[in-house]
């Protein structure tokens, strides 16, 4: 159920100016979410290295941000038919922002693709529950060497917009 505060969320295309805020959001979220199941040395390239900065620099043109009070509080990035990244500020999770971002991503993808795909770390139970509640189904699992953790690939059929 959206709160009065989350009702003020505005979605818009990311701009180059947003990249610093997107990096900050991702690095904080990485630490709090992945820190529960991933070894610190496996997270170090993301939290202390430049992998997140490099990723955001490449992906921001295909990114949508959620804005609250002029601050980036959520982000979704697309790579072809893949929802490649979805983060919401920890303090605002559970308020419908992630659902709005993923619906926006699905609507964007539906124009050119019949399905959306995404990946989630297997131990991220909250993330898996979120995606499954939105209609995503597991299609396979694999071990990711860089993280040292199993990943789950999920897919959802999309409805093309009516002409």
C-alpha atoms as a PDB file:
ATOM      1  CA  UNK A   1       0.000   0.000   0.000  1.00  0.00           C
ATOM      2  CA  UNK A   2       1.584   3.315  -1.046  1.00  0.00           C
ATOM      3  CA  UNK A   3       2.161   5.863   1.680  1.00  0.00           C
ATOM      4  CA  UNK A   4       1.445   9.587   1.390  1.00  0.00           C
ATOM      5  CA  UNK A   5       5.182  10.126   0.976  1.00  0.00           C
ATOM      6  CA  UNK A   6       5.617   7.530  -1.777  1.00  0.00           C
ATOM      7  CA  UNK A   7       2.578   8.949  -3.594  1.00  0.00           C
ATOM      8  CA  UNK A   8       4.799  11.961  -4.309  1.00  0.00           C
ATOM      9  CA  UNK A   9       7.282   9.810  -6.241  1.00  0.00           C
ATOM     10  CA  UNK A  10       7.873  10.906  -9.814  1.00  0.00           C
ATOM     11  CA  UNK A  11       9.458   8.660 -12.457  1.00  0.00           C
ATOM     12  CA  UNK A  12      11.614  10.176 -15.187  1.00  0.00           C
ATOM     13  CA  UNK A  13      14.431   9.265 -17.530  1.00  0.00           C
ATOM     14  CA  UNK A  14      17.827   9.466 -15.854  1.00  0.00           C
ATOM     15  CA  UNK A  15      20.185  12.245 -16.854  1.00  0.00           C
ATOM     16  CA  UNK A  16      23.961  12.440 -16.704  1.00  0.00           C
ATOM     17  CA  UNK A  17      23.561  14.623 -13.603  1.00  0.00           C
ATOM     18  CA  UNK A  18      21.817  11.704 -11.843  1.00  0.00           C
ATOM     19  CA  UNK A  19      24.775   9.325 -12.163  1.00  0.00           C
ATOM     20  CA  UNK A  20      26.403  10.292  -8.852  1.00  0.00           C
ATOM     21  CA  UNK A  21      23.138   9.775  -6.955  1.00  0.00           C
ATOM     22  CA  UNK A  22      22.501   6.457  -8.747  1.00  0.00           C
ATOM     23  CA  UNK A  23      25.991   5.216  -7.814  1.00  0.00           C
ATOM     24  CA  UNK A  24      25.456   6.263  -4.175  1.00  0.00           C
ATOM     25  CA  UNK A  25      22.069   4.494  -4.020  1.00  0.00           C
ATOM     26  CA  UNK A  26      23.487   1.324  -5.572  1.00  0.00           C
ATOM     27  CA  UNK A  27      26.521   1.164  -3.294  1.00  0.00           C
ATOM     28  CA  UNK A  28      24.464   1.638  -0.129  1.00  0.00           C
ATOM     29  CA  UNK A  29      21.883  -0.902  -1.283  1.00  0.00           C
ATOM     30  CA  UNK A  30      24.556  -3.394  -2.319  1.00  0.00           C
ATOM     31  CA  UNK A  31      26.067  -3.313   1.129  1.00  0.00           C
ATOM     32  CA  UNK A  32      22.815  -3.693   3.057  1.00  0.00           C
ATOM     33  CA  UNK A  33      21.177  -6.236   0.744  1.00  0.00           C
ATOM     34  CA  UNK A  34      24.091  -8.380  -0.405  1.00  0.00           C
ATOM     35  CA  UNK A  35      26.046  -8.073   2.845  1.00  0.00           C
ATOM     36  CA  UNK A  36      23.649 -10.562   4.429  1.00  0.00           C
ATOM     37  CA  UNK A  37      24.788 -13.399   2.142  1.00  0.00           C
ATOM     38  CA  UNK A  38      27.886 -12.383   0.193  1.00  0.00           C
ATOM     39  CA  UNK A  39      31.461 -12.361   1.457  1.00  0.00           C
ATOM     40  CA  UNK A  40      32.891  -8.831   1.819  1.00  0.00           C
ATOM     41  CA  UNK A  41      35.825  -9.629  -0.484  1.00  0.00           C
ATOM     42  CA  UNK A  42      33.338 -10.585  -3.237  1.00  0.00           C
ATOM     43  CA  UNK A  43      31.506  -7.228  -2.837  1.00  0.00           C
ATOM     44  CA  UNK A  44      34.690  -5.144  -2.715  1.00  0.00           C
ATOM     45  CA  UNK A  45      34.925  -4.521  -6.500  1.00  0.00           C
ATOM     46  CA  UNK A  46      31.419  -3.014  -6.326  1.00  0.00           C
ATOM     47  CA  UNK A  47      31.685  -1.173  -3.023  1.00  0.00           C
ATOM     48  CA  UNK A  48      35.305   0.007  -3.183  1.00  0.00           C
ATOM     49  CA  UNK A  49      36.230  -0.362  -6.844  1.00  0.00           C
ATOM     50  CA  UNK A  50      34.821   1.429  -9.875  1.00  0.00           C
ATOM     51  CA  UNK A  51      32.533  -1.329 -11.196  1.00  0.00           C
ATOM     52  CA  UNK A  52      29.351   0.468 -10.104  1.00  0.00           C
ATOM     53  CA  UNK A  53      30.560   3.800 -11.504  1.00  0.00           C
ATOM     54  CA  UNK A  54      31.542   2.128 -14.787  1.00  0.00           C
ATOM     55  CA  UNK A  55      28.181   0.350 -15.011  1.00  0.00           C
ATOM     56  CA  UNK A  56      26.169   3.510 -14.325  1.00  0.00           C
ATOM     57  CA  UNK A  57      28.267   5.525 -16.808  1.00  0.00           C
ATOM     58  CA  UNK A  58      27.395   2.962 -19.489  1.00  0.00           C
ATOM     59  CA  UNK A  59      23.747   2.359 -18.532  1.00  0.00           C
ATOM     60  CA  UNK A  60      22.317   5.751 -17.518  1.00  0.00           C
ATOM     61  CA  UNK A  61      20.817   6.427 -20.982  1.00  0.00           C
ATOM     62  CA  UNK A  62      18.645   3.284 -20.488  1.00  0.00           C
ATOM     63  CA  UNK A  63      17.748   4.095 -16.902  1.00  0.00           C
ATOM     64  CA  UNK A  64      14.654   5.488 -15.195  1.00  0.00           C
ATOM     65  CA  UNK A  65      14.864   7.083 -11.762  1.00  0.00           C
ATOM     66  CA  UNK A  66      12.268   7.524  -9.036  1.00  0.00           C
ATOM     67  CA  UNK A  67      12.459  11.011  -7.550  1.00  0.00           C
ATOM     68  CA  UNK A  68      11.202  12.173  -4.153  1.00  0.00           C
ATOM     69  CA  UNK A  69      11.845  15.748  -3.042  1.00  0.00           C
ATOM     70  CA  UNK A  70      14.439  16.201  -5.826  1.00  0.00           C
ATOM     71  CA  UNK A  71      16.355  13.110  -4.628  1.00  0.00           C
ATOM     72  CA  UNK A  72      16.935   9.831  -6.501  1.00  0.00           C
ATOM     73  CA  UNK A  73      15.308   7.140  -4.339  1.00  0.00           C
ATOM     74  CA  UNK A  74      14.944   4.356  -6.892  1.00  0.00           C
ATOM     75  CA  UNK A  75      16.349   3.218 -10.209  1.00  0.00           C
ATOM     76  CA  UNK A  76      15.638   0.685 -12.942  1.00  0.00           C
ATOM     77  CA  UNK A  77      17.942   0.019 -15.916  1.00  0.00           C
ATOM     78  CA  UNK A  78      17.172  -1.939 -19.076  1.00  0.00           C
ATOM     79  CA  UNK A  79      19.498  -3.890 -21.337  1.00  0.00           C
ATOM     80  CA  UNK A  80      17.602  -5.187 -24.359  1.00  0.00           C
ATOM     81  CA  UNK A  81      14.829  -7.421 -22.908  1.00  0.00           C
ATOM     82  CA  UNK A  82      16.502  -7.590 -19.507  1.00  0.00           C
ATOM     83  CA  UNK A  83      15.660  -5.599 -16.408  1.00  0.00           C
ATOM     84  CA  UNK A  84      19.298  -5.318 -15.502  1.00  0.00           C
ATOM     85  CA  UNK A  85      19.075  -3.321 -12.294  1.00  0.00           C
ATOM     86  CA  UNK A  86      16.330  -2.407  -9.837  1.00  0.00           C
ATOM     87  CA  UNK A  87      17.063  -0.645  -6.550  1.00  0.00           C
ATOM     88  CA  UNK A  88      14.961   1.341  -4.103  1.00  0.00           C
ATOM     89  CA  UNK A  89      16.402   3.232  -1.140  1.00  0.00           C
ATOM     90  CA  UNK A  90      16.313   0.949   1.893  1.00  0.00           C
ATOM     91  CA  UNK A  91      14.179   3.348   3.956  1.00  0.00           C
ATOM     92  CA  UNK A  92      11.502   3.450   1.239  1.00  0.00           C
ATOM     93  CA  UNK A  93      11.222  -0.234   0.393  1.00  0.00           C
ATOM     94  CA  UNK A  94       7.776  -1.775   0.702  1.00  0.00           C
ATOM     95  CA  UNK A  95       5.974   1.402  -0.329  1.00  0.00           C
ATOM     96  CA  UNK A  96       5.251   0.562  -3.979  1.00  0.00           C
ATOM     97  CA  UNK A  97       8.204   2.380  -5.561  1.00  0.00           C
ATOM     98  CA  UNK A  98       9.850  -0.790  -6.832  1.00  0.00           C
ATOM     99  CA  UNK A  99       6.524  -1.984  -8.223  1.00  0.00           C
ATOM    100  CA  UNK A 100       6.078   1.324 -10.093  1.00  0.00           C
ATOM    101  CA  UNK A 101       9.606   1.123 -11.484  1.00  0.00           C
ATOM    102  CA  UNK A 102       9.228  -2.474 -12.656  1.00  0.00           C
ATOM    103  CA  UNK A 103       5.827  -1.793 -14.244  1.00  0.00           C
ATOM    104  CA  UNK A 104       7.353   1.155 -16.092  1.00  0.00           C
ATOM    105  CA  UNK A 105      10.214  -1.078 -17.270  1.00  0.00           C
ATOM    106  CA  UNK A 106       7.786  -3.776 -18.410  1.00  0.00           C
ATOM    107  CA  UNK A 107       5.682  -1.251 -20.344  1.00  0.00           C
ATOM    108  CA  UNK A 108       8.828   0.039 -22.044  1.00  0.00           C
ATOM    109  CA  UNK A 109      10.019  -3.475 -22.914  1.00  0.00           C
ATOM    110  CA  UNK A 110       6.569  -4.603 -24.131  1.00  0.00           C
ATOM    111  CA  UNK A 111       6.824  -2.293 -27.126  1.00  0.00           C
ATOM    112  CA  UNK A 112       9.600  -4.473 -28.595  1.00  0.00           C
ATOM    113  CA  UNK A 113       9.735  -7.719 -26.600  1.00  0.00           C
ATOM    114  CA  UNK A 114       7.314 -10.500 -25.701  1.00  0.00           C
ATOM    115  CA  UNK A 115       8.979 -11.204 -22.339  1.00  0.00           C
ATOM    116  CA  UNK A 116      11.100  -9.520 -19.692  1.00  0.00           C
ATOM    117  CA  UNK A 117      13.944 -11.277 -17.956  1.00  0.00           C
ATOM    118  CA  UNK A 118      15.908 -10.468 -14.813  1.00  0.00           C
ATOM    119  CA  UNK A 119      18.302 -12.074 -12.374  1.00  0.00           C
ATOM    120  CA  UNK A 120      18.303 -12.186  -8.598  1.00  0.00           C
ATOM    121  CA  UNK A 121      20.715 -13.731  -6.128  1.00  0.00           C
ATOM    122  CA  UNK A 122      19.196 -16.959  -4.782  1.00  0.00           C
ATOM    123  CA  UNK A 123      19.688 -16.013  -1.087  1.00  0.00           C
ATOM    124  CA  UNK A 124      17.870 -12.684  -1.664  1.00  0.00           C
ATOM    125  CA  UNK A 125      14.520 -14.077  -0.510  1.00  0.00           C
ATOM    126  CA  UNK A 126      12.831 -10.678  -0.337  1.00  0.00           C
ATOM    127  CA  UNK A 127      13.877  -9.882  -3.898  1.00  0.00           C
ATOM    128  CA  UNK A 128      12.706 -13.253  -5.199  1.00  0.00           C
ATOM    129  CA  UNK A 129       9.369 -12.894  -3.406  1.00  0.00           C
ATOM    130  CA  UNK A 130       8.940  -9.399  -4.894  1.00  0.00           C
ATOM    131  CA  UNK A 131       9.571 -10.597  -8.445  1.00  0.00           C
ATOM    132  CA  UNK A 132       7.424 -13.716  -8.119  1.00  0.00           C
ATOM    133  CA  UNK A 133       4.546 -11.652  -6.703  1.00  0.00           C
ATOM    134  CA  UNK A 134       4.773  -9.550  -9.866  1.00  0.00           C
ATOM    135  CA  UNK A 135       4.338 -12.554 -12.137  1.00  0.00           C
ATOM    136  CA  UNK A 136       7.966 -13.589 -12.732  1.00  0.00           C
ATOM    137  CA  UNK A 137       8.761 -17.295 -12.827  1.00  0.00           C
ATOM    138  CA  UNK A 138      12.106 -18.991 -12.366  1.00  0.00           C
ATOM    139  CA  UNK A 139      13.562 -20.367 -15.588  1.00  0.00           C
ATOM    140  CA  UNK A 140      17.017 -21.448 -14.397  1.00  0.00           C
ATOM    141  CA  UNK A 141      19.752 -21.115 -11.771  1.00  0.00           C
ATOM    142  CA  UNK A 142      23.498 -20.852 -12.096  1.00  0.00           C
ATOM    143  CA  UNK A 143      26.565 -20.231  -9.966  1.00  0.00           C
ATOM    144  CA  UNK A 144      28.138 -16.803 -10.496  1.00  0.00           C
ATOM    145  CA  UNK A 145      31.873 -17.032  -9.920  1.00  0.00           C
ATOM    146  CA  UNK A 146      32.446 -13.296  -9.316  1.00  0.00           C
ATOM    147  CA  UNK A 147      29.962 -13.136  -6.430  1.00  0.00           C
ATOM    148  CA  UNK A 148      30.369 -16.699  -5.175  1.00  0.00           C
ATOM    149  CA  UNK A 149      26.573 -16.993  -5.005  1.00  0.00           C
ATOM    150  CA  UNK A 150      23.876 -18.778  -7.025  1.00  0.00           C
ATOM    151  CA  UNK A 151      21.701 -16.577  -9.212  1.00  0.00           C
ATOM    152  CA  UNK A 152      18.124 -17.164 -10.309  1.00  0.00           C
ATOM    153  CA  UNK A 153      16.977 -16.127 -13.786  1.00  0.00           C
ATOM    154  CA  UNK A 154      13.305 -15.130 -13.877  1.00  0.00           C
ATOM    155  CA  UNK A 155      11.053 -14.359 -16.822  1.00  0.00           C
ATOM    156  CA  UNK A 156       7.625 -12.821 -17.350  1.00  0.00           C
ATOM    157  CA  UNK A 157       5.507 -12.726 -20.509  1.00  0.00           C
ATOM    158  CA  UNK A 158       4.597  -9.193 -21.534  1.00  0.00           C
ATOM    159  CA  UNK A 159       1.493  -7.882 -23.233  1.00  0.00           C
ATOM    160  CA  UNK A 160       2.161  -5.624 -26.198  1.00  0.00           C
ATOM    161  CA  UNK A 161       0.415  -2.274 -25.886  1.00  0.00           C
ATOM    162  CA  UNK A 162      -2.790  -1.919 -27.893  1.00  0.00           C
ATOM    163  CA  UNK A 163      -2.428   0.227 -31.015  1.00  0.00           C
END
